Amino acid sequence: MSNILSDSTTSACPDWCLTRHENEPDGGHDGPSWPDIPSVNDNRAEAVFIGSGQGKHGVVVYLDAMGLALTPDQAHTAGLALLSAASWAKDHQVSE
């Protein structure tokens, strides 16, 4: 675990944190994200996004996939990425 120092704030930062705290010293802690899976429309705005980070409920997985049409291969890729994200988040939970 490392400490991020700013002019007036010190915040404990998990070793997995990818947040650029020099731009947002009091921001949350973003973990890794997985490659976006485009929909059949092949439009970046229409892609499955899977990420992770620190939320009010501990380490969480973020999923953004609003009503997309995916081929079976795209759905398979998204499913594997979501499983990978869930496993990562579970491995990085903080004991309370």
N, C-alpha and C. Protein backbone atom coordinates (compact mmCIF):
# COMPACT_ATOMS: atom_id res chain seq x y z
N MET A 1 0.84 -1.16 0.00
CA MET A 1 0.00 0.00 0.00
C MET A 1 0.89 1.23 0.00
N SER A 2 0.52 2.25 -0.75
CA SER A 2 1.32 3.46 -0.80
C SER A 2 0.46 4.64 -0.38
N ASN A 3 1.12 5.73 -0.05
CA ASN A 3 0.41 6.95 0.28
C ASN A 3 0.58 7.95 -0.84
N ILE A 4 -0.51 8.62 -1.18
CA ILE A 4 -0.49 9.66 -2.19
C ILE A 4 -0.58 10.99 -1.45
N LEU A 5 0.37 11.87 -1.68
CA LEU A 5 0.39 13.15 -0.99
C LEU A 5 -0.02 14.26 -1.94
N SER A 6 -0.87 15.14 -1.46
CA SER A 6 -1.19 16.35 -2.21
C SER A 6 -0.88 17.52 -1.28
N ASP A 7 -1.21 18.72 -1.70
CA ASP A 7 -0.89 19.89 -0.89
C ASP A 7 -1.47 19.81 0.52
N SER A 8 -2.72 19.33 0.63
CA SER A 8 -3.35 19.33 1.94
C SER A 8 -3.95 17.99 2.33
N THR A 9 -3.83 16.97 1.49
CA THR A 9 -4.52 15.71 1.74
C THR A 9 -3.57 14.53 1.61
N THR A 10 -3.69 13.60 2.53
CA THR A 10 -2.99 12.33 2.42
C THR A 10 -4.04 11.25 2.40
N SER A 11 -4.02 10.39 1.39
CA SER A 11 -5.00 9.31 1.34
C SER A 11 -4.29 7.99 1.11
N ALA A 12 -4.74 6.98 1.84
CA ALA A 12 -4.17 5.64 1.65
C ALA A 12 -4.66 5.11 0.32
N CYS A 13 -3.76 4.57 -0.44
CA CYS A 13 -4.09 4.11 -1.78
C CYS A 13 -3.69 2.64 -1.90
N PRO A 14 -4.64 1.76 -2.29
CA PRO A 14 -4.27 0.35 -2.46
C PRO A 14 -3.21 0.19 -3.54
N ASP A 15 -2.40 -0.84 -3.43
CA ASP A 15 -1.31 -1.03 -4.40
C ASP A 15 -1.83 -1.26 -5.81
N TRP A 16 -3.09 -1.63 -5.99
CA TRP A 16 -3.66 -1.86 -7.32
C TRP A 16 -4.29 -0.62 -7.93
N CYS A 17 -4.33 0.48 -7.22
CA CYS A 17 -5.02 1.69 -7.67
C CYS A 17 -4.37 2.28 -8.92
N LEU A 18 -5.20 2.56 -9.93
CA LEU A 18 -4.73 3.15 -11.19
C LEU A 18 -5.21 4.59 -11.37
N THR A 19 -5.84 5.17 -10.35
CA THR A 19 -6.35 6.54 -10.42
C THR A 19 -5.18 7.52 -10.47
N ARG A 20 -5.30 8.52 -11.31
CA ARG A 20 -4.28 9.56 -11.39
C ARG A 20 -4.60 10.61 -10.32
N HIS A 21 -4.10 10.38 -9.10
CA HIS A 21 -4.45 11.24 -7.97
C HIS A 21 -3.85 12.64 -8.06
N GLU A 22 -2.86 12.84 -8.91
CA GLU A 22 -2.34 14.20 -9.05
C GLU A 22 -3.39 15.10 -9.68
N ASN A 23 -4.32 14.53 -10.45
CA ASN A 23 -5.41 15.30 -11.04
C ASN A 23 -6.64 15.34 -10.14
N GLU A 24 -6.80 14.33 -9.29
CA GLU A 24 -7.96 14.22 -8.41
C GLU A 24 -7.51 13.61 -7.09
N PRO A 25 -6.90 14.43 -6.19
CA PRO A 25 -6.30 13.89 -4.98
C PRO A 25 -7.28 13.16 -4.07
N ASP A 26 -8.53 13.57 -4.03
CA ASP A 26 -9.52 12.93 -3.16
C ASP A 26 -10.42 11.97 -3.92
N GLY A 27 -10.04 11.62 -5.14
CA GLY A 27 -10.85 10.72 -5.95
C GLY A 27 -10.83 9.31 -5.41
N GLY A 28 -11.67 8.48 -5.97
CA GLY A 28 -11.75 7.09 -5.56
C GLY A 28 -10.54 6.31 -6.05
N HIS A 29 -10.65 5.03 -5.98
CA HIS A 29 -9.56 4.16 -6.41
C HIS A 29 -10.06 3.28 -7.54
N ASP A 30 -9.57 3.55 -8.74
CA ASP A 30 -9.93 2.75 -9.91
C ASP A 30 -8.96 1.59 -10.04
N GLY A 31 -9.53 0.40 -10.23
CA GLY A 31 -8.73 -0.78 -10.49
C GLY A 31 -8.61 -0.99 -11.99
N PRO A 32 -8.21 -2.18 -12.38
CA PRO A 32 -8.05 -2.43 -13.81
C PRO A 32 -9.40 -2.46 -14.53
N SER A 33 -9.33 -2.29 -15.83
CA SER A 33 -10.51 -2.48 -16.68
C SER A 33 -10.12 -3.47 -17.76
N TRP A 34 -11.11 -4.05 -18.35
CA TRP A 34 -10.90 -5.07 -19.37
C TRP A 34 -11.21 -4.44 -20.72
N PRO A 35 -10.67 -4.98 -21.81
CA PRO A 35 -10.93 -4.38 -23.13
C PRO A 35 -12.44 -4.32 -23.42
N ASP A 36 -12.88 -3.20 -23.98
CA ASP A 36 -14.28 -3.06 -24.37
C ASP A 36 -14.61 -4.11 -25.43
N ILE A 37 -15.84 -4.62 -25.38
CA ILE A 37 -16.32 -5.57 -26.38
C ILE A 37 -17.35 -4.84 -27.22
N PRO A 38 -17.06 -4.57 -28.49
CA PRO A 38 -18.00 -3.80 -29.31
C PRO A 38 -19.24 -4.61 -29.63
N SER A 39 -20.35 -3.91 -29.85
CA SER A 39 -21.57 -4.61 -30.26
C SER A 39 -21.48 -4.92 -31.75
N VAL A 40 -22.50 -5.55 -32.29
CA VAL A 40 -22.48 -5.87 -33.72
C VAL A 40 -22.47 -4.61 -34.56
N ASN A 41 -22.84 -3.48 -33.98
CA ASN A 41 -22.81 -2.20 -34.69
C ASN A 41 -21.39 -1.64 -34.81
N ASP A 42 -20.43 -2.23 -34.06
CA ASP A 42 -19.03 -1.82 -34.10
C ASP A 42 -18.86 -0.32 -33.87
N ASN A 43 -19.63 0.20 -32.94
CA ASN A 43 -19.60 1.62 -32.57
C ASN A 43 -19.08 1.70 -31.15
N ARG A 44 -18.01 2.46 -30.90
CA ARG A 44 -17.40 2.55 -29.57
C ARG A 44 -18.44 2.91 -28.50
N ALA A 45 -19.42 3.72 -28.85
CA ALA A 45 -20.44 4.10 -27.88
C ALA A 45 -21.34 2.91 -27.55
N GLU A 46 -21.34 1.88 -28.40
CA GLU A 46 -22.15 0.70 -28.18
C GLU A 46 -21.24 -0.49 -27.93
N ALA A 47 -20.64 -0.49 -26.74
CA ALA A 47 -19.70 -1.55 -26.37
C ALA A 47 -19.93 -1.93 -24.92
N VAL A 48 -19.54 -3.14 -24.58
CA VAL A 48 -19.58 -3.59 -23.19
C VAL A 48 -18.32 -3.07 -22.52
N PHE A 49 -18.49 -2.36 -21.40
CA PHE A 49 -17.36 -1.88 -20.60
C PHE A 49 -17.39 -2.63 -19.27
N ILE A 50 -16.25 -3.17 -18.88
CA ILE A 50 -16.10 -3.85 -17.59
C ILE A 50 -14.88 -3.27 -16.90
N GLY A 51 -15.08 -2.77 -15.70
CA GLY A 51 -13.99 -2.20 -14.93
C GLY A 51 -14.13 -2.57 -13.46
N SER A 52 -13.25 -2.05 -12.63
CA SER A 52 -13.27 -2.35 -11.21
C SER A 52 -12.76 -1.15 -10.44
N GLY A 53 -13.01 -1.17 -9.15
CA GLY A 53 -12.52 -0.09 -8.31
C GLY A 53 -13.11 -0.17 -6.92
N GLN A 54 -12.78 0.84 -6.13
CA GLN A 54 -13.26 0.92 -4.75
C GLN A 54 -14.56 1.69 -4.76
N GLY A 55 -15.61 1.11 -4.23
CA GLY A 55 -16.91 1.76 -4.11
C GLY A 55 -17.34 1.79 -2.66
N LYS A 56 -18.53 2.32 -2.40
CA LYS A 56 -18.99 2.39 -1.01
C LYS A 56 -19.26 1.01 -0.42
N HIS A 57 -19.31 -0.02 -1.27
CA HIS A 57 -19.52 -1.39 -0.81
C HIS A 57 -18.23 -2.22 -0.89
N GLY A 58 -17.09 -1.56 -0.90
CA GLY A 58 -15.81 -2.26 -1.01
C GLY A 58 -15.35 -2.29 -2.46
N VAL A 59 -14.55 -3.28 -2.80
CA VAL A 59 -14.06 -3.42 -4.17
C VAL A 59 -15.22 -3.95 -5.01
N VAL A 60 -15.50 -3.27 -6.11
CA VAL A 60 -16.66 -3.60 -6.93
C VAL A 60 -16.27 -3.77 -8.39
N VAL A 61 -17.18 -4.36 -9.15
CA VAL A 61 -17.04 -4.50 -10.60
C VAL A 61 -18.05 -3.56 -11.24
N TYR A 62 -17.60 -2.79 -12.22
CA TYR A 62 -18.49 -1.91 -12.97
C TYR A 62 -18.80 -2.58 -14.31
N LEU A 63 -20.08 -2.58 -14.68
CA LEU A 63 -20.51 -3.17 -15.94
C LEU A 63 -21.42 -2.17 -16.63
N ASP A 64 -21.08 -1.82 -17.86
CA ASP A 64 -21.92 -0.93 -18.67
C ASP A 64 -22.18 -1.64 -19.99
N ALA A 65 -23.45 -2.04 -20.20
CA ALA A 65 -23.82 -2.77 -21.41
C ALA A 65 -25.30 -2.56 -21.68
N MET A 66 -25.67 -1.37 -22.02
CA MET A 66 -27.08 -1.02 -22.15
C MET A 66 -27.70 -1.54 -23.45
N GLY A 67 -28.44 -2.61 -23.37
CA GLY A 67 -29.23 -3.12 -24.47
C GLY A 67 -28.48 -3.39 -25.76
N LEU A 68 -27.31 -3.97 -25.67
CA LEU A 68 -26.50 -4.20 -26.86
C LEU A 68 -26.85 -5.52 -27.53
N ALA A 69 -26.67 -5.55 -28.83
CA ALA A 69 -26.76 -6.81 -29.58
C ALA A 69 -25.34 -7.33 -29.76
N LEU A 70 -25.10 -8.54 -29.25
CA LEU A 70 -23.78 -9.15 -29.34
C LEU A 70 -23.88 -10.47 -30.09
N THR A 71 -22.86 -10.77 -30.86
CA THR A 71 -22.80 -12.09 -31.48
C THR A 71 -22.49 -13.09 -30.37
N PRO A 72 -22.67 -14.37 -30.62
CA PRO A 72 -22.29 -15.35 -29.60
C PRO A 72 -20.82 -15.23 -29.18
N ASP A 73 -19.92 -14.95 -30.12
CA ASP A 73 -18.50 -14.79 -29.78
C ASP A 73 -18.28 -13.55 -28.91
N GLN A 74 -18.96 -12.45 -29.25
CA GLN A 74 -18.83 -11.24 -28.43
C GLN A 74 -19.40 -11.47 -27.03
N ALA A 75 -20.53 -12.16 -26.94
CA ALA A 75 -21.13 -12.45 -25.64
C ALA A 75 -20.21 -13.35 -24.81
N HIS A 76 -19.58 -14.32 -25.45
CA HIS A 76 -18.64 -15.20 -24.78
C HIS A 76 -17.46 -14.40 -24.23
N THR A 77 -16.91 -13.51 -25.05
CA THR A 77 -15.79 -12.66 -24.62
C THR A 77 -16.20 -11.77 -23.45
N ALA A 78 -17.38 -11.18 -23.54
CA ALA A 78 -17.87 -10.33 -22.44
C ALA A 78 -18.07 -11.15 -21.17
N GLY A 79 -18.61 -12.34 -21.30
CA GLY A 79 -18.82 -13.20 -20.13
C GLY A 79 -17.52 -13.58 -19.45
N LEU A 80 -16.51 -13.92 -20.24
CA LEU A 80 -15.21 -14.27 -19.67
C LEU A 80 -14.57 -13.05 -19.00
N ALA A 81 -14.71 -11.88 -19.62
CA ALA A 81 -14.15 -10.66 -19.02
C ALA A 81 -14.86 -10.34 -17.71
N LEU A 82 -16.18 -10.50 -17.66
CA LEU A 82 -16.92 -10.25 -16.43
C LEU A 82 -16.51 -11.24 -15.33
N LEU A 83 -16.34 -12.49 -15.68
CA LEU A 83 -15.88 -13.49 -14.72
C LEU A 83 -14.48 -13.14 -14.20
N SER A 84 -13.61 -12.71 -15.09
CA SER A 84 -12.27 -12.30 -14.69
C SER A 84 -12.32 -11.11 -13.74
N ALA A 85 -13.15 -10.13 -14.05
CA ALA A 85 -13.29 -8.94 -13.20
C ALA A 85 -13.83 -9.32 -11.82
N ALA A 86 -14.83 -10.21 -11.79
CA ALA A 86 -15.39 -10.65 -10.51
C ALA A 86 -14.34 -11.37 -9.67
N SER A 87 -13.54 -12.20 -10.30
CA SER A 87 -12.48 -12.91 -9.59
C SER A 87 -11.45 -11.94 -9.05
N TRP A 88 -11.08 -10.95 -9.86
CA TRP A 88 -10.10 -9.94 -9.41
C TRP A 88 -10.66 -9.19 -8.21
N ALA A 89 -11.91 -8.73 -8.30
CA ALA A 89 -12.51 -7.97 -7.22
C ALA A 89 -12.59 -8.81 -5.93
N LYS A 90 -12.97 -10.06 -6.06
CA LYS A 90 -13.05 -10.94 -4.90
C LYS A 90 -11.68 -11.11 -4.26
N ASP A 91 -10.64 -11.25 -5.07
CA ASP A 91 -9.28 -11.41 -4.55
C ASP A 91 -8.75 -10.15 -3.88
N HIS A 92 -9.34 -8.99 -4.17
CA HIS A 92 -8.85 -7.73 -3.62
C HIS A 92 -9.79 -7.11 -2.61
N GLN A 93 -10.75 -7.87 -2.10
CA GLN A 93 -11.63 -7.39 -1.03
C GLN A 93 -10.82 -7.14 0.22
N VAL A 94 -11.22 -6.12 0.96
CA VAL A 94 -10.57 -5.81 2.23
C VAL A 94 -11.38 -6.46 3.34
N SER A 95 -10.72 -7.18 4.21
CA SER A 95 -11.42 -7.79 5.35
C SER A 95 -11.87 -6.70 6.29
N GLU A 96 -13.11 -6.83 6.75
CA GLU A 96 -13.63 -5.82 7.67
C GLU A 96 -13.67 -6.33 9.08
